[in-house]
Amino acid sequence: MGSGYGPSEPLPQFPADLRTLAVAALGQVTGGLCELAVVWDEAVDGPKWRRGIVRPRDVLGPPVPLREEVLFAV
């Protein structure tokens, strides 16, 4: 069951450059220096707002590959 606030049919595949731009914009909105993010972080529904940003970001952006970092050289 949908929320009623999105499209009723699947959207077409967006061009890669537009998807990259959208992911960057979402990153800016949720960044620590963004006033919008600061206000939401202080709000009761802040975690819900952040979860609402994660889904479109995950849909638009390619999966972030896990990096294996070496913390200590043996």
C-alpha atoms as a PDB file:
ATOM      1  CA  MET A   1       0.000   0.000   0.000  1.00  0.00           C
ATOM      2  CA  GLY A   2       1.465   3.347  -1.056  1.00  0.00           C
ATOM      3  CA  SER A   3       1.504   6.554   0.903  1.00  0.00           C
ATOM      4  CA  GLY A   4      -0.500   8.487  -1.690  1.00  0.00           C
ATOM      5  CA  TYR A   5       2.315  11.025  -2.073  1.00  0.00           C
ATOM      6  CA  GLY A   6       4.298   9.327  -4.812  1.00  0.00           C
ATOM      7  CA  PRO A   7       3.752   8.388  -8.431  1.00  0.00           C
ATOM      8  CA  SER A   8       1.107   5.764  -9.152  1.00  0.00           C
ATOM      9  CA  GLU A   9       3.260   4.141 -11.861  1.00  0.00           C
ATOM     10  CA  PRO A  10       6.984   3.281 -11.975  1.00  0.00           C
ATOM     11  CA  LEU A  11       9.228   6.127 -13.093  1.00  0.00           C
ATOM     12  CA  PRO A  12      11.477   5.788 -16.142  1.00  0.00           C
ATOM     13  CA  GLN A  13      15.195   5.185 -15.663  1.00  0.00           C
ATOM     14  CA  PHE A  14      16.867   8.540 -15.041  1.00  0.00           C
ATOM     15  CA  PRO A  15      20.175   9.449 -16.740  1.00  0.00           C
ATOM     16  CA  ALA A  16      23.262   8.706 -14.636  1.00  0.00           C
ATOM     17  CA  ASP A  17      24.296  12.373 -14.398  1.00  0.00           C
ATOM     18  CA  LEU A  18      20.870  13.369 -13.074  1.00  0.00           C
ATOM     19  CA  ARG A  19      20.929  10.520 -10.554  1.00  0.00           C
ATOM     20  CA  THR A  20      24.390  11.576  -9.369  1.00  0.00           C
ATOM     21  CA  LEU A  21      23.225  15.179  -8.988  1.00  0.00           C
ATOM     22  CA  ALA A  22      20.153  14.083  -6.991  1.00  0.00           C
ATOM     23  CA  VAL A  23      22.261  11.929  -4.647  1.00  0.00           C
ATOM     24  CA  ALA A  24      24.647  14.865  -4.126  1.00  0.00           C
ATOM     25  CA  ALA A  25      21.704  17.162  -3.326  1.00  0.00           C
ATOM     26  CA  LEU A  26      20.344  14.685  -0.776  1.00  0.00           C
ATOM     27  CA  GLY A  27      23.820  14.503   0.747  1.00  0.00           C
ATOM     28  CA  GLN A  28      23.928  18.289   1.070  1.00  0.00           C
ATOM     29  CA  VAL A  29      20.489  18.409   2.686  1.00  0.00           C
ATOM     30  CA  THR A  30      21.438  15.794   5.280  1.00  0.00           C
ATOM     31  CA  GLY A  31      24.944  17.116   5.890  1.00  0.00           C
ATOM     32  CA  GLY A  32      25.995  18.411   9.277  1.00  0.00           C
ATOM     33  CA  LEU A  33      26.364  21.981   8.067  1.00  0.00           C
ATOM     34  CA  CYS A  34      22.897  22.207   6.536  1.00  0.00           C
ATOM     35  CA  GLU A  35      20.462  24.228   8.652  1.00  0.00           C
ATOM     36  CA  LEU A  36      17.599  21.982   7.538  1.00  0.00           C
ATOM     37  CA  ALA A  37      19.391  18.916   8.905  1.00  0.00           C
ATOM     38  CA  VAL A  38      20.196  20.700  12.163  1.00  0.00           C
ATOM     39  CA  VAL A  39      16.539  21.652  12.667  1.00  0.00           C
ATOM     40  CA  TRP A  40      15.342  18.128  11.874  1.00  0.00           C
ATOM     41  CA  ASP A  41      17.931  16.603  14.186  1.00  0.00           C
ATOM     42  CA  GLU A  42      16.427  18.629  17.027  1.00  0.00           C
ATOM     43  CA  ALA A  43      12.854  17.617  16.128  1.00  0.00           C
ATOM     44  CA  VAL A  44      11.005  14.634  17.552  1.00  0.00           C
ATOM     45  CA  ASP A  45      10.476  13.243  14.028  1.00  0.00           C
ATOM     46  CA  GLY A  46      14.113  13.789  13.042  1.00  0.00           C
ATOM     47  CA  PRO A  47      14.955  10.064  12.780  1.00  0.00           C
ATOM     48  CA  LYS A  48      11.843   9.500  10.658  1.00  0.00           C
ATOM     49  CA  TRP A  49      12.898  12.343   8.345  1.00  0.00           C
ATOM     50  CA  ARG A  50      16.380  10.863   7.950  1.00  0.00           C
ATOM     51  CA  ARG A  51      14.937   7.420   7.160  1.00  0.00           C
ATOM     52  CA  GLY A  52      12.774   9.117   4.524  1.00  0.00           C
ATOM     53  CA  ILE A  53      15.933  10.466   2.869  1.00  0.00           C
ATOM     54  CA  VAL A  54      17.746   7.121   2.882  1.00  0.00           C
ATOM     55  CA  ARG A  55      15.321   5.282   0.590  1.00  0.00           C
ATOM     56  CA  PRO A  56      15.408   7.732  -2.343  1.00  0.00           C
ATOM     57  CA  ARG A  57      19.180   8.051  -1.957  1.00  0.00           C
ATOM     58  CA  ASP A  58      19.558   4.278  -2.106  1.00  0.00           C
ATOM     59  CA  VAL A  59      17.260   4.048  -5.130  1.00  0.00           C
ATOM     60  CA  LEU A  60      19.009   6.852  -7.017  1.00  0.00           C
ATOM     61  CA  GLY A  61      22.588   6.078  -6.171  1.00  0.00           C
ATOM     62  CA  PRO A  62      24.612   3.009  -6.940  1.00  0.00           C
ATOM     63  CA  PRO A  63      25.354   0.804  -3.955  1.00  0.00           C
ATOM     64  CA  VAL A  64      28.399   1.972  -2.067  1.00  0.00           C
ATOM     65  CA  PRO A  65      31.015  -0.790  -2.223  1.00  0.00           C
ATOM     66  CA  LEU A  66      32.347  -1.884   1.110  1.00  0.00           C
ATOM     67  CA  ARG A  67      35.992  -1.067   1.531  1.00  0.00           C
ATOM     68  CA  GLU A  68      38.269  -3.295   3.461  1.00  0.00           C
ATOM     69  CA  GLU A  69      40.436  -0.991   5.504  1.00  0.00           C
ATOM     70  CA  VAL A  70      43.559  -2.142   7.221  1.00  0.00           C
ATOM     71  CA  LEU A  71      43.658  -0.537  10.634  1.00  0.00           C
ATOM     72  CA  PHE A  72      46.925  -2.081  11.725  1.00  0.00           C
ATOM     73  CA  ALA A  73      49.730  -3.427   9.588  1.00  0.00           C
ATOM     74  CA  VAL A  74      51.021  -6.767  10.800  1.00  0.00           C
END
